[in-house]
Amino acid sequence: MNPIRPTIPLDLPGKHHGFLRLPYSRNDSAWGSVLIPLTVIAGEPGPTALLTGGNHGDEYEGPIALQQLAWELEPAEVTGRVIIAPYLNYPAFRAGTRVSPIDGVNMNRCFPGRRDGTVTQKIANYFDSVLVPMADLVLDYHSGGKTLDFLPYAAAHYLDDPAQQAACVAAMRAFGAPFSMMMREIDAVGMFDTAVEAQGKVFVTTEIGGGGTATAASTRIALRGARNVLRHAGILGGEIEGAEDSVMLDMPGDDCFHFAERDGLLHPLVDLGEEVAEGQPIARIWPADRTGIAPLEMQASRPGIIAARHFPGLVQSGDCLAVIAMRA
């Protein structure tokens, strides 16, 4: 069995704040633990929603929204159950890094995890084998972290099961982000998304902002979206807000992604949200070590809208420079 144990009940009515406790013997604490904050709010019988943030530790809109929801939401408002884990990869969140400082593992590439693996693998395995099976719907927040910046969107994936895909799309649209994205991943193996969808669940993810911080606007989008998804699931009452204004986007193929082919100084030529034509220059990469050398010019592989961009001013060969989406 997975060694993680909850310090609160997962199946009793009421509002319970506590932790998932993972034993972690280390140099400075022989019988130490990793304590992952957890809230469970249960009211009258109904569906279960699992809400997660901090899958990557430098992405903050989800953790902020889920902290506020855990504080504000009361059992009398809930039909069913809401399980809230604001900091899925807690060691990475505390370090402000994408991957865990303990084992260097990217949580969103290690699902379904291992019950006898590293700290990150054990956390992934607990969510995959214990919490996800309890849920009817999973909302997992992401944003750009320190290396990317995104248009604020909720996303669903193309799936083999048309009925499951339709249910995910309906929940995504209900989130009510300024943009809604039909998304293809360049590498879906080991992702939380893939693990949840493989269990037949309704799954919604996001990309909201980036740059390793959050803004007032991006956190408002994240919090409203959580409440909207819970209303859509019948767990909360009230009207869904803003869904009719969401602009539908599509990432139909791998050529949406544009990668740096040289190290250097990034010179953006277009900004987030701007329309581009196929072949239009979207960025230059200048040498970082000398002058008088022509830059490498990157061109758009397809027409569309800039949905994501590299955030730091310096790039390395292989970095994602931009993602171009199509208006659906």
C-alpha atoms as a PDB file:
ATOM      1  CA  MET A   1       0.000   0.000   0.000  1.00  0.00           C
ATOM      2  CA  ASN A   2       0.998   3.616  -0.511  1.00  0.00           C
ATOM      3  CA  PRO A   3       2.528   4.941   2.746  1.00  0.00           C
ATOM      4  CA  ILE A   4       0.619   8.268   2.559  1.00  0.00           C
ATOM      5  CA  ARG A   5      -2.157   8.633   5.125  1.00  0.00           C
ATOM      6  CA  PRO A   6      -4.709  11.455   5.484  1.00  0.00           C
ATOM      7  CA  THR A   7      -4.927  13.124   8.887  1.00  0.00           C
ATOM      8  CA  ILE A   8      -8.605  13.965   8.290  1.00  0.00           C
ATOM      9  CA  PRO A   9     -11.597  11.860   7.182  1.00  0.00           C
ATOM     10  CA  LEU A  10     -12.217  11.815   3.451  1.00  0.00           C
ATOM     11  CA  ASP A  11     -15.807  10.567   3.617  1.00  0.00           C
ATOM     12  CA  LEU A  12     -17.554  12.298   6.547  1.00  0.00           C
ATOM     13  CA  PRO A  13     -19.925  15.290   6.323  1.00  0.00           C
ATOM     14  CA  GLY A  14     -18.569  18.663   7.363  1.00  0.00           C
ATOM     15  CA  LYS A  15     -15.473  20.702   6.699  1.00  0.00           C
ATOM     16  CA  HIS A  16     -12.111  19.205   7.555  1.00  0.00           C
ATOM     17  CA  HIS A  17      -8.651  20.781   7.214  1.00  0.00           C
ATOM     18  CA  GLY A  18      -5.557  18.639   7.569  1.00  0.00           C
ATOM     19  CA  PHE A  19      -2.803  16.933   5.636  1.00  0.00           C
ATOM     20  CA  LEU A  20      -1.710  13.984   3.598  1.00  0.00           C
ATOM     21  CA  ARG A  21       1.231  12.709   5.632  1.00  0.00           C
ATOM     22  CA  LEU A  22       4.064  11.037   3.750  1.00  0.00           C
ATOM     23  CA  PRO A  23       6.813   9.513   5.912  1.00  0.00           C
ATOM     24  CA  TYR A  24      10.147  10.872   4.735  1.00  0.00           C
ATOM     25  CA  SER A  25      13.272   9.890   6.642  1.00  0.00           C
ATOM     26  CA  ARG A  26      16.076  12.289   5.827  1.00  0.00           C
ATOM     27  CA  ASN A  27      19.356  13.570   7.146  1.00  0.00           C
ATOM     28  CA  ASP A  28      17.835  16.323   9.318  1.00  0.00           C
ATOM     29  CA  SER A  29      14.722  14.389  10.476  1.00  0.00           C
ATOM     30  CA  ALA A  30      15.058  10.646  10.964  1.00  0.00           C
ATOM     31  CA  TRP A  31      11.312  10.078  11.381  1.00  0.00           C
ATOM     32  CA  GLY A  32      10.228  13.105   9.395  1.00  0.00           C
ATOM     33  CA  SER A  33       7.238  13.592   7.117  1.00  0.00           C
ATOM     34  CA  VAL A  34       6.080  15.637   4.155  1.00  0.00           C
ATOM     35  CA  LEU A  35       2.733  17.196   5.109  1.00  0.00           C
ATOM     36  CA  ILE A  36       0.628  18.071   2.062  1.00  0.00           C
ATOM     37  CA  PRO A  37      -2.249  20.449   2.988  1.00  0.00           C
ATOM     38  CA  LEU A  38      -5.719  19.080   2.274  1.00  0.00           C
ATOM     39  CA  THR A  39      -9.310  20.235   2.779  1.00  0.00           C
ATOM     40  CA  VAL A  40     -12.419  18.090   2.402  1.00  0.00           C
ATOM     41  CA  ILE A  41     -15.857  19.736   2.389  1.00  0.00           C
ATOM     42  CA  ALA A  42     -18.895  17.459   2.252  1.00  0.00           C
ATOM     43  CA  GLY A  43     -22.580  18.287   2.416  1.00  0.00           C
ATOM     44  CA  GLU A  44     -25.644  16.431   1.189  1.00  0.00           C
ATOM     45  CA  PRO A  45     -24.979  13.340  -0.985  1.00  0.00           C
ATOM     46  CA  GLY A  46     -23.832  14.113  -4.507  1.00  0.00           C
ATOM     47  CA  PRO A  47     -20.835  14.081  -6.860  1.00  0.00           C
ATOM     48  CA  THR A  48     -17.211  14.551  -5.847  1.00  0.00           C
ATOM     49  CA  ALA A  49     -14.838  17.133  -7.306  1.00  0.00           C
ATOM     50  CA  LEU A  50     -11.069  16.937  -6.815  1.00  0.00           C
ATOM     51  CA  LEU A  51      -9.416  20.355  -7.170  1.00  0.00           C
ATOM     52  CA  THR A  52      -5.624  20.528  -7.383  1.00  0.00           C
ATOM     53  CA  GLY A  53      -2.969  23.206  -7.784  1.00  0.00           C
ATOM     54  CA  GLY A  54       0.793  23.322  -7.439  1.00  0.00           C
ATOM     55  CA  ASN A  55       1.418  20.320  -9.698  1.00  0.00           C
ATOM     56  CA  HIS A  56       4.385  22.490 -10.623  1.00  0.00           C
ATOM     57  CA  GLY A  57       5.710  24.506  -7.719  1.00  0.00           C
ATOM     58  CA  ASP A  58       6.191  27.850  -9.505  1.00  0.00           C
ATOM     59  CA  GLU A  59       2.581  28.226 -10.697  1.00  0.00           C
ATOM     60  CA  TYR A  60       0.444  30.261  -8.303  1.00  0.00           C
ATOM     61  CA  GLU A  61      -3.047  31.070  -9.597  1.00  0.00           C
ATOM     62  CA  GLY A  62      -4.388  27.628  -8.677  1.00  0.00           C
ATOM     63  CA  PRO A  63      -2.963  27.559  -5.148  1.00  0.00           C
ATOM     64  CA  ILE A  64      -4.326  31.051  -4.436  1.00  0.00           C
ATOM     65  CA  ALA A  65      -7.810  30.238  -5.735  1.00  0.00           C
ATOM     66  CA  LEU A  66      -7.932  26.919  -3.887  1.00  0.00           C
ATOM     67  CA  GLN A  67      -6.751  28.455  -0.621  1.00  0.00           C
ATOM     68  CA  GLN A  68      -9.590  30.968  -0.806  1.00  0.00           C
ATOM     69  CA  LEU A  69     -12.113  28.293  -1.757  1.00  0.00           C
ATOM     70  CA  ALA A  70     -11.000  26.062   1.137  1.00  0.00           C
ATOM     71  CA  TRP A  71     -11.423  29.005   3.504  1.00  0.00           C
ATOM     72  CA  GLU A  72     -14.772  30.278   2.192  1.00  0.00           C
ATOM     73  CA  LEU A  73     -16.730  27.200   1.145  1.00  0.00           C
ATOM     74  CA  GLU A  74     -19.102  25.725   3.755  1.00  0.00           C
ATOM     75  CA  PRO A  75     -20.774  22.288   3.841  1.00  0.00           C
ATOM     76  CA  ALA A  76     -24.256  23.834   3.735  1.00  0.00           C
ATOM     77  CA  GLU A  77     -23.431  25.147   0.232  1.00  0.00           C
ATOM     78  CA  VAL A  78     -22.246  21.770  -1.053  1.00  0.00           C
ATOM     79  CA  THR A  79     -24.203  18.951  -2.630  1.00  0.00           C
ATOM     80  CA  GLY A  80     -21.618  16.201  -2.711  1.00  0.00           C
ATOM     81  CA  ARG A  81     -17.968  16.597  -1.789  1.00  0.00           C
ATOM     82  CA  VAL A  82     -15.065  18.869  -2.686  1.00  0.00           C
ATOM     83  CA  ILE A  83     -11.496  17.651  -2.096  1.00  0.00           C
ATOM     84  CA  ILE A  84      -9.007  20.509  -2.289  1.00  0.00           C
ATOM     85  CA  ALA A  85      -5.233  20.066  -2.570  1.00  0.00           C
ATOM     86  CA  PRO A  86      -3.727  23.507  -3.284  1.00  0.00           C
ATOM     87  CA  TYR A  87      -0.127  22.234  -3.359  1.00  0.00           C
ATOM     88  CA  LEU A  88      -0.060  18.869  -5.103  1.00  0.00           C
ATOM     89  CA  ASN A  89       3.741  18.851  -5.320  1.00  0.00           C
ATOM     90  CA  TYR A  90       4.289  20.425  -1.905  1.00  0.00           C
ATOM     91  CA  PRO A  91       8.120  20.234  -1.835  1.00  0.00           C
ATOM     92  CA  ALA A  92       8.290  21.987  -5.235  1.00  0.00           C
ATOM     93  CA  PHE A  93       5.798  24.619  -4.102  1.00  0.00           C
ATOM     94  CA  ARG A  94       7.834  25.436  -0.982  1.00  0.00           C
ATOM     95  CA  ALA A  95      10.970  25.754  -3.096  1.00  0.00           C
ATOM     96  CA  GLY A  96       9.241  27.786  -5.826  1.00  0.00           C
ATOM     97  CA  THR A  97      10.526  25.384  -8.475  1.00  0.00           C
ATOM     98  CA  ARG A  98       8.876  23.480 -11.298  1.00  0.00           C
ATOM     99  CA  VAL A  99      10.134  20.102 -10.079  1.00  0.00           C
ATOM    100  CA  SER A 100      10.694  18.734  -6.594  1.00  0.00           C
ATOM    101  CA  PRO A 101      13.965  19.732  -4.916  1.00  0.00           C
ATOM    102  CA  ILE A 102      13.946  16.374  -3.108  1.00  0.00           C
ATOM    103  CA  ASP A 103      14.187  14.025  -6.066  1.00  0.00           C
ATOM    104  CA  GLY A 104      14.268  16.288  -9.152  1.00  0.00           C
ATOM    105  CA  VAL A 105      11.112  14.634 -10.534  1.00  0.00           C
ATOM    106  CA  ASN A 106       8.541  16.525 -12.611  1.00  0.00           C
ATOM    107  CA  MET A 107       5.258  15.417 -11.027  1.00  0.00           C
ATOM    108  CA  ASN A 108       3.329  16.009 -14.234  1.00  0.00           C
ATOM    109  CA  ARG A 109       5.464  13.470 -16.079  1.00  0.00           C
ATOM    110  CA  CYS A 110       5.524  10.675 -13.478  1.00  0.00           C
ATOM    111  CA  PHE A 111       1.910   9.446 -13.232  1.00  0.00           C
ATOM    112  CA  PRO A 112       0.656   6.926 -12.256  1.00  0.00           C
ATOM    113  CA  GLY A 113       3.620   7.114  -9.890  1.00  0.00           C
ATOM    114  CA  ARG A 114       4.944   4.355  -7.667  1.00  0.00           C
ATOM    115  CA  ARG A 115       3.961   3.482  -4.117  1.00  0.00           C
ATOM    116  CA  ASP A 116       7.574   2.386  -3.491  1.00  0.00           C
ATOM    117  CA  GLY A 117       9.207   5.182  -5.493  1.00  0.00           C
ATOM    118  CA  THR A 118      10.614   8.599  -4.714  1.00  0.00           C
ATOM    119  CA  VAL A 119       8.695  11.260  -2.779  1.00  0.00           C
ATOM    120  CA  THR A 120       7.163  12.722  -5.948  1.00  0.00           C
ATOM    121  CA  GLN A 121       6.283   9.284  -7.316  1.00  0.00           C
ATOM    122  CA  LYS A 122       4.563   8.324  -4.042  1.00  0.00           C
ATOM    123  CA  ILE A 123       2.469  11.501  -4.055  1.00  0.00           C
ATOM    124  CA  ALA A 124       1.468  10.894  -7.671  1.00  0.00           C
ATOM    125  CA  ASN A 125       0.575   7.299  -6.903  1.00  0.00           C
ATOM    126  CA  TYR A 126      -1.625   8.284  -3.953  1.00  0.00           C
ATOM    127  CA  PHE A 127      -3.621  10.734  -6.035  1.00  0.00           C
ATOM    128  CA  ASP A 128      -3.866   8.255  -8.918  1.00  0.00           C
ATOM    129  CA  SER A 129      -4.879   5.252  -6.810  1.00  0.00           C
ATOM    130  CA  VAL A 130      -6.882   6.839  -3.960  1.00  0.00           C
ATOM    131  CA  LEU A 131      -8.215  10.336  -4.660  1.00  0.00           C
ATOM    132  CA  VAL A 132      -8.883  10.267  -8.406  1.00  0.00           C
ATOM    133  CA  PRO A 133     -11.042   7.097  -8.145  1.00  0.00           C
ATOM    134  CA  MET A 134     -13.228   8.961  -5.608  1.00  0.00           C
ATOM    135  CA  ALA A 135     -13.829  11.862  -7.996  1.00  0.00           C
ATOM    136  CA  ASP A 136     -16.362  12.425 -10.735  1.00  0.00           C
ATOM    137  CA  LEU A 137     -14.610  15.574 -11.917  1.00  0.00           C
ATOM    138  CA  VAL A 138     -10.994  16.775 -11.595  1.00  0.00           C
ATOM    139  CA  LEU A 139      -9.816  20.379 -12.064  1.00  0.00           C
ATOM    140  CA  ASP A 140      -6.019  20.736 -12.146  1.00  0.00           C
ATOM    141  CA  TYR A 141      -4.646  24.273 -12.344  1.00  0.00           C
ATOM    142  CA  HIS A 142      -1.575  25.224 -14.347  1.00  0.00           C
ATOM    143  CA  SER A 143       0.027  28.451 -15.493  1.00  0.00           C
ATOM    144  CA  GLY A 144       3.297  29.345 -17.165  1.00  0.00           C
ATOM    145  CA  GLY A 145       5.569  29.230 -14.140  1.00  0.00           C
ATOM    146  CA  LYS A 146       8.892  31.006 -14.475  1.00  0.00           C
ATOM    147  CA  THR A 147       9.514  30.089 -18.113  1.00  0.00           C
ATOM    148  CA  LEU A 148       6.250  30.665 -20.033  1.00  0.00           C
ATOM    149  CA  ASP A 149       3.406  33.156 -20.242  1.00  0.00           C
ATOM    150  CA  PHE A 150      -0.067  32.227 -21.503  1.00  0.00           C
ATOM    151  CA  LEU A 151      -3.302  33.730 -22.589  1.00  0.00           C
ATOM    152  CA  PRO A 152      -5.665  32.813 -19.729  1.00  0.00           C
ATOM    153  CA  TYR A 153      -7.457  29.674 -20.844  1.00  0.00           C
ATOM    154  CA  ALA A 154      -9.138  26.534 -19.587  1.00  0.00           C
ATOM    155  CA  ALA A 155      -8.457  23.440 -21.649  1.00  0.00           C
ATOM    156  CA  ALA A 156      -9.789  20.035 -22.584  1.00  0.00           C
ATOM    157  CA  HIS A 157      -8.038  17.345 -24.613  1.00  0.00           C
ATOM    158  CA  TYR A 158      -8.938  15.379 -27.686  1.00  0.00           C
ATOM    159  CA  LEU A 159      -9.980  11.909 -26.427  1.00  0.00           C
ATOM    160  CA  ASP A 160     -10.808   8.576 -28.044  1.00  0.00           C
ATOM    161  CA  ASP A 161     -14.182   8.442 -26.239  1.00  0.00           C
ATOM    162  CA  PRO A 162     -16.509  11.059 -27.803  1.00  0.00           C
ATOM    163  CA  ALA A 163     -18.862  11.091 -24.811  1.00  0.00           C
ATOM    164  CA  GLN A 164     -16.026  11.639 -22.334  1.00  0.00           C
ATOM    165  CA  GLN A 165     -14.534  14.359 -24.538  1.00  0.00           C
ATOM    166  CA  ALA A 166     -17.900  16.110 -24.765  1.00  0.00           C
ATOM    167  CA  ALA A 167     -18.252  16.040 -20.969  1.00  0.00           C
ATOM    168  CA  CYS A 168     -14.756  17.492 -20.539  1.00  0.00           C
ATOM    169  CA  VAL A 169     -15.452  20.207 -23.115  1.00  0.00           C
ATOM    170  CA  ALA A 170     -18.702  21.161 -21.372  1.00  0.00           C
ATOM    171  CA  ALA A 171     -16.872  21.515 -18.042  1.00  0.00           C
ATOM    172  CA  MET A 172     -14.076  23.487 -19.721  1.00  0.00           C
ATOM    173  CA  ARG A 173     -16.563  25.907 -21.274  1.00  0.00           C
ATOM    174  CA  ALA A 174     -18.311  26.263 -17.913  1.00  0.00           C
ATOM    175  CA  PHE A 175     -15.020  27.353 -16.303  1.00  0.00           C
ATOM    176  CA  GLY A 176     -15.537  30.647 -18.090  1.00  0.00           C
ATOM    177  CA  ALA A 177     -11.926  31.659 -18.751  1.00  0.00           C
ATOM    178  CA  PRO A 178     -11.400  34.419 -21.321  1.00  0.00           C
ATOM    179  CA  PHE A 179     -10.264  31.658 -23.696  1.00  0.00           C
ATOM    180  CA  SER A 180     -11.155  27.949 -23.974  1.00  0.00           C
ATOM    181  CA  MET A 181      -8.638  25.639 -25.651  1.00  0.00           C
ATOM    182  CA  MET A 182      -8.904  22.271 -27.349  1.00  0.00           C
ATOM    183  CA  MET A 183      -5.396  21.165 -26.512  1.00  0.00           C
ATOM    184  CA  ARG A 184      -2.858  18.683 -27.824  1.00  0.00           C
ATOM    185  CA  GLU A 185       0.157  17.926 -25.630  1.00  0.00           C
ATOM    186  CA  ILE A 186       3.566  17.455 -27.215  1.00  0.00           C
ATOM    187  CA  ASP A 187       4.242  14.657 -24.684  1.00  0.00           C
ATOM    188  CA  ALA A 188       1.235  13.366 -22.724  1.00  0.00           C
ATOM    189  CA  VAL A 189       2.986  10.316 -21.229  1.00  0.00           C
ATOM    190  CA  GLY A 190       3.019  10.441 -17.431  1.00  0.00           C
ATOM    191  CA  MET A 191       0.798  13.491 -17.143  1.00  0.00           C
ATOM    192  CA  PHE A 192      -1.836  13.833 -14.418  1.00  0.00           C
ATOM    193  CA  ASP A 193      -4.229  14.749 -17.235  1.00  0.00           C
ATOM    194  CA  THR A 194      -3.625  11.449 -19.005  1.00  0.00           C
ATOM    195  CA  ALA A 195      -3.933   9.406 -15.802  1.00  0.00           C
ATOM    196  CA  VAL A 196      -7.247  11.042 -14.867  1.00  0.00           C
ATOM    197  CA  GLU A 197      -8.695  10.722 -18.356  1.00  0.00           C
ATOM    198  CA  ALA A 198      -7.635   7.047 -18.472  1.00  0.00           C
ATOM    199  CA  GLN A 199      -9.923   6.469 -15.483  1.00  0.00           C
ATOM    200  CA  GLY A 200     -12.855   7.894 -17.447  1.00  0.00           C
ATOM    201  CA  LYS A 201     -13.184  11.056 -15.385  1.00  0.00           C
ATOM    202  CA  VAL A 202     -14.221  14.530 -16.469  1.00  0.00           C
ATOM    203  CA  PHE A 203     -11.003  16.545 -16.525  1.00  0.00           C
ATOM    204  CA  VAL A 204     -10.342  20.264 -16.925  1.00  0.00           C
ATOM    205  CA  THR A 205      -6.951  21.936 -16.832  1.00  0.00           C
ATOM    206  CA  THR A 206      -5.827  25.537 -17.253  1.00  0.00           C
ATOM    207  CA  GLU A 207      -2.987  27.742 -18.345  1.00  0.00           C
ATOM    208  CA  ILE A 208      -3.497  31.119 -16.666  1.00  0.00           C
ATOM    209  CA  GLY A 209      -0.740  33.706 -16.921  1.00  0.00           C
ATOM    210  CA  GLY A 210       2.857  32.936 -16.034  1.00  0.00           C
ATOM    211  CA  GLY A 211       6.207  34.468 -15.315  1.00  0.00           C
ATOM    212  CA  GLY A 212       6.428  32.794 -11.907  1.00  0.00           C
ATOM    213  CA  THR A 213       3.853  35.081 -10.290  1.00  0.00           C
ATOM    214  CA  ALA A 214       0.135  35.825 -10.208  1.00  0.00           C
ATOM    215  CA  THR A 215      -1.886  38.967 -10.847  1.00  0.00           C
ATOM    216  CA  ALA A 216      -5.176  40.229  -9.481  1.00  0.00           C
ATOM    217  CA  ALA A 217      -6.793  39.532 -12.851  1.00  0.00           C
ATOM    218  CA  SER A 218      -5.410  36.000 -13.200  1.00  0.00           C
ATOM    219  CA  THR A 219      -6.441  34.994  -9.677  1.00  0.00           C
ATOM    220  CA  ARG A 220      -9.957  36.331 -10.249  1.00  0.00           C
ATOM    221  CA  ILE A 221     -10.180  34.129 -13.351  1.00  0.00           C
ATOM    222  CA  ALA A 222      -8.949  31.104 -11.380  1.00  0.00           C
ATOM    223  CA  LEU A 223     -11.371  31.554  -8.475  1.00  0.00           C
ATOM    224  CA  ARG A 224     -14.405  32.268 -10.624  1.00  0.00           C
ATOM    225  CA  GLY A 225     -13.529  29.252 -12.758  1.00  0.00           C
ATOM    226  CA  ALA A 226     -13.466  26.876  -9.788  1.00  0.00           C
ATOM    227  CA  ARG A 227     -16.866  28.050  -8.619  1.00  0.00           C
ATOM    228  CA  ASN A 228     -18.236  27.795 -12.157  1.00  0.00           C
ATOM    229  CA  VAL A 229     -17.013  24.213 -12.559  1.00  0.00           C
ATOM    230  CA  LEU A 230     -18.572  23.248  -9.217  1.00  0.00           C
ATOM    231  CA  ARG A 231     -21.862  24.841 -10.318  1.00  0.00           C
ATOM    232  CA  HIS A 232     -21.657  22.966 -13.603  1.00  0.00           C
ATOM    233  CA  ALA A 233     -21.215  19.689 -11.674  1.00  0.00           C
ATOM    234  CA  GLY A 234     -24.229  20.435  -9.465  1.00  0.00           C
ATOM    235  CA  ILE A 235     -22.067  20.687  -6.346  1.00  0.00           C
ATOM    236  CA  LEU A 236     -22.702  24.421  -5.855  1.00  0.00           C
ATOM    237  CA  GLY A 237     -25.816  26.421  -6.592  1.00  0.00           C
ATOM    238  CA  GLY A 238     -25.947  29.681  -8.503  1.00  0.00           C
ATOM    239  CA  GLU A 239     -25.429  30.830 -12.052  1.00  0.00           C
ATOM    240  CA  ILE A 240     -22.324  30.126 -14.138  1.00  0.00           C
ATOM    241  CA  GLU A 241     -20.577  33.434 -14.886  1.00  0.00           C
ATOM    242  CA  GLY A 242     -18.813  34.508 -18.063  1.00  0.00           C
ATOM    243  CA  ALA A 243     -18.889  31.240 -20.008  1.00  0.00           C
ATOM    244  CA  GLU A 244     -20.713  32.806 -22.949  1.00  0.00           C
ATOM    245  CA  ASP A 245     -17.868  35.288 -23.441  1.00  0.00           C
ATOM    246  CA  SER A 246     -15.075  32.710 -23.680  1.00  0.00           C
ATOM    247  CA  VAL A 247     -13.260  32.653 -27.028  1.00  0.00           C
ATOM    248  CA  MET A 248     -12.784  29.120 -28.370  1.00  0.00           C
ATOM    249  CA  LEU A 249      -9.283  28.184 -29.558  1.00  0.00           C
ATOM    250  CA  ASP A 250      -7.777  25.017 -30.994  1.00  0.00           C
ATOM    251  CA  MET A 251      -4.286  23.517 -31.088  1.00  0.00           C
ATOM    252  CA  PRO A 252      -4.742  21.070 -33.974  1.00  0.00           C
ATOM    253  CA  GLY A 253      -1.187  19.814 -34.444  1.00  0.00           C
ATOM    254  CA  ASP A 254       2.445  19.727 -33.405  1.00  0.00           C
ATOM    255  CA  ASP A 255       3.230  22.644 -35.718  1.00  0.00           C
ATOM    256  CA  CYS A 256       1.506  24.929 -33.194  1.00  0.00           C
ATOM    257  CA  PHE A 257       4.710  24.693 -31.130  1.00  0.00           C
ATOM    258  CA  HIS A 258       7.764  26.757 -32.079  1.00  0.00           C
ATOM    259  CA  PHE A 259      11.176  25.959 -30.594  1.00  0.00           C
ATOM    260  CA  ALA A 260      14.425  27.865 -30.370  1.00  0.00           C
ATOM    261  CA  GLU A 261      17.198  26.473 -32.562  1.00  0.00           C
ATOM    262  CA  ARG A 262      19.964  28.555 -31.005  1.00  0.00           C
ATOM    263  CA  ASP A 263      20.971  29.885 -27.595  1.00  0.00           C
ATOM    264  CA  GLY A 264      20.814  33.639 -27.232  1.00  0.00           C
ATOM    265  CA  LEU A 265      18.912  36.841 -26.475  1.00  0.00           C
ATOM    266  CA  LEU A 266      15.200  36.651 -27.284  1.00  0.00           C
ATOM    267  CA  HIS A 267      13.746  39.510 -29.327  1.00  0.00           C
ATOM    268  CA  PRO A 268       9.938  39.023 -29.494  1.00  0.00           C
ATOM    269  CA  LEU A 269       8.301  40.450 -32.603  1.00  0.00           C
ATOM    270  CA  VAL A 270       4.692  39.694 -31.580  1.00  0.00           C
ATOM    271  CA  ASP A 271       2.924  39.625 -28.230  1.00  0.00           C
ATOM    272  CA  LEU A 272       0.369  37.365 -26.575  1.00  0.00           C
ATOM    273  CA  GLY A 273      -3.017  37.567 -28.234  1.00  0.00           C
ATOM    274  CA  GLU A 274      -1.735  38.990 -31.532  1.00  0.00           C
ATOM    275  CA  GLU A 275      -2.797  37.432 -34.818  1.00  0.00           C
ATOM    276  CA  VAL A 276      -0.025  36.162 -37.102  1.00  0.00           C
ATOM    277  CA  ALA A 277       0.146  34.867 -40.666  1.00  0.00           C
ATOM    278  CA  GLU A 278       1.959  31.746 -41.799  1.00  0.00           C
ATOM    279  CA  GLY A 279       5.595  32.624 -42.455  1.00  0.00           C
ATOM    280  CA  GLN A 280       5.443  35.853 -40.456  1.00  0.00           C
ATOM    281  CA  PRO A 281       8.525  36.489 -38.291  1.00  0.00           C
ATOM    282  CA  ILE A 282       7.566  36.031 -34.636  1.00  0.00           C
ATOM    283  CA  ALA A 283      10.953  36.299 -32.891  1.00  0.00           C
ATOM    284  CA  ARG A 284      14.652  36.868 -33.398  1.00  0.00           C
ATOM    285  CA  ILE A 285      17.430  35.256 -31.388  1.00  0.00           C
ATOM    286  CA  TRP A 286      20.512  37.459 -31.110  1.00  0.00           C
ATOM    287  CA  PRO A 287      23.922  36.099 -30.116  1.00  0.00           C
ATOM    288  CA  ALA A 288      24.567  36.567 -26.409  1.00  0.00           C
ATOM    289  CA  ASP A 289      28.358  36.735 -26.722  1.00  0.00           C
ATOM    290  CA  ARG A 290      29.148  39.204 -29.545  1.00  0.00           C
ATOM    291  CA  THR A 291      27.854  41.938 -31.829  1.00  0.00           C
ATOM    292  CA  GLY A 292      27.774  42.190 -35.602  1.00  0.00           C
ATOM    293  CA  ILE A 293      26.189  38.765 -36.153  1.00  0.00           C
ATOM    294  CA  ALA A 294      22.793  38.443 -37.834  1.00  0.00           C
ATOM    295  CA  PRO A 295      20.035  37.089 -35.620  1.00  0.00           C
ATOM    296  CA  LEU A 296      18.254  33.797 -36.208  1.00  0.00           C
ATOM    297  CA  GLU A 297      14.719  34.679 -37.244  1.00  0.00           C
ATOM    298  CA  MET A 298      11.876  32.346 -36.248  1.00  0.00           C
ATOM    299  CA  GLN A 299       8.759  32.300 -38.424  1.00  0.00           C
ATOM    300  CA  ALA A 300       5.205  31.190 -37.773  1.00  0.00           C
ATOM    301  CA  SER A 301       4.532  27.689 -39.036  1.00  0.00           C
ATOM    302  CA  ARG A 302       0.819  28.387 -39.312  1.00  0.00           C
ATOM    303  CA  PRO A 303      -1.605  31.305 -39.072  1.00  0.00           C
ATOM    304  CA  GLY A 304      -3.362  31.971 -35.777  1.00  0.00           C
ATOM    305  CA  ILE A 305      -3.097  33.736 -32.446  1.00  0.00           C
ATOM    306  CA  ILE A 306      -0.107  33.765 -30.081  1.00  0.00           C
ATOM    307  CA  ALA A 307      -1.397  31.737 -27.117  1.00  0.00           C
ATOM    308  CA  ALA A 308       1.898  31.229 -25.255  1.00  0.00           C
ATOM    309  CA  ARG A 309       5.379  32.698 -25.287  1.00  0.00           C
ATOM    310  CA  HIS A 310       8.760  32.141 -23.694  1.00  0.00           C
ATOM    311  CA  PHE A 311       9.097  34.380 -20.644  1.00  0.00           C
ATOM    312  CA  PRO A 312      12.790  34.892 -19.720  1.00  0.00           C
ATOM    313  CA  GLY A 313      14.884  37.152 -21.931  1.00  0.00           C
ATOM    314  CA  LEU A 314      17.504  34.467 -22.632  1.00  0.00           C
ATOM    315  CA  VAL A 315      16.703  31.236 -24.463  1.00  0.00           C
ATOM    316  CA  GLN A 316      18.450  27.933 -24.917  1.00  0.00           C
ATOM    317  CA  SER A 317      18.284  25.743 -27.989  1.00  0.00           C
ATOM    318  CA  GLY A 318      15.175  23.590 -27.674  1.00  0.00           C
ATOM    319  CA  ASP A 319      13.174  26.031 -25.531  1.00  0.00           C
ATOM    320  CA  CYS A 320       9.563  26.616 -26.537  1.00  0.00           C
ATOM    321  CA  LEU A 321       9.443  30.154 -27.959  1.00  0.00           C
ATOM    322  CA  ALA A 322       5.755  30.380 -28.803  1.00  0.00           C
ATOM    323  CA  VAL A 323       2.539  28.439 -29.307  1.00  0.00           C
ATOM    324  CA  ILE A 324       0.133  29.475 -32.043  1.00  0.00           C
ATOM    325  CA  ALA A 325      -3.527  28.498 -31.684  1.00  0.00           C
ATOM    326  CA  MET A 326      -6.367  28.745 -34.151  1.00  0.00           C
ATOM    327  CA  ARG A 327      -9.686  30.420 -33.519  1.00  0.00           C
ATOM    328  CA  ALA A 328     -12.250  27.602 -33.533  1.00  0.00           C
END
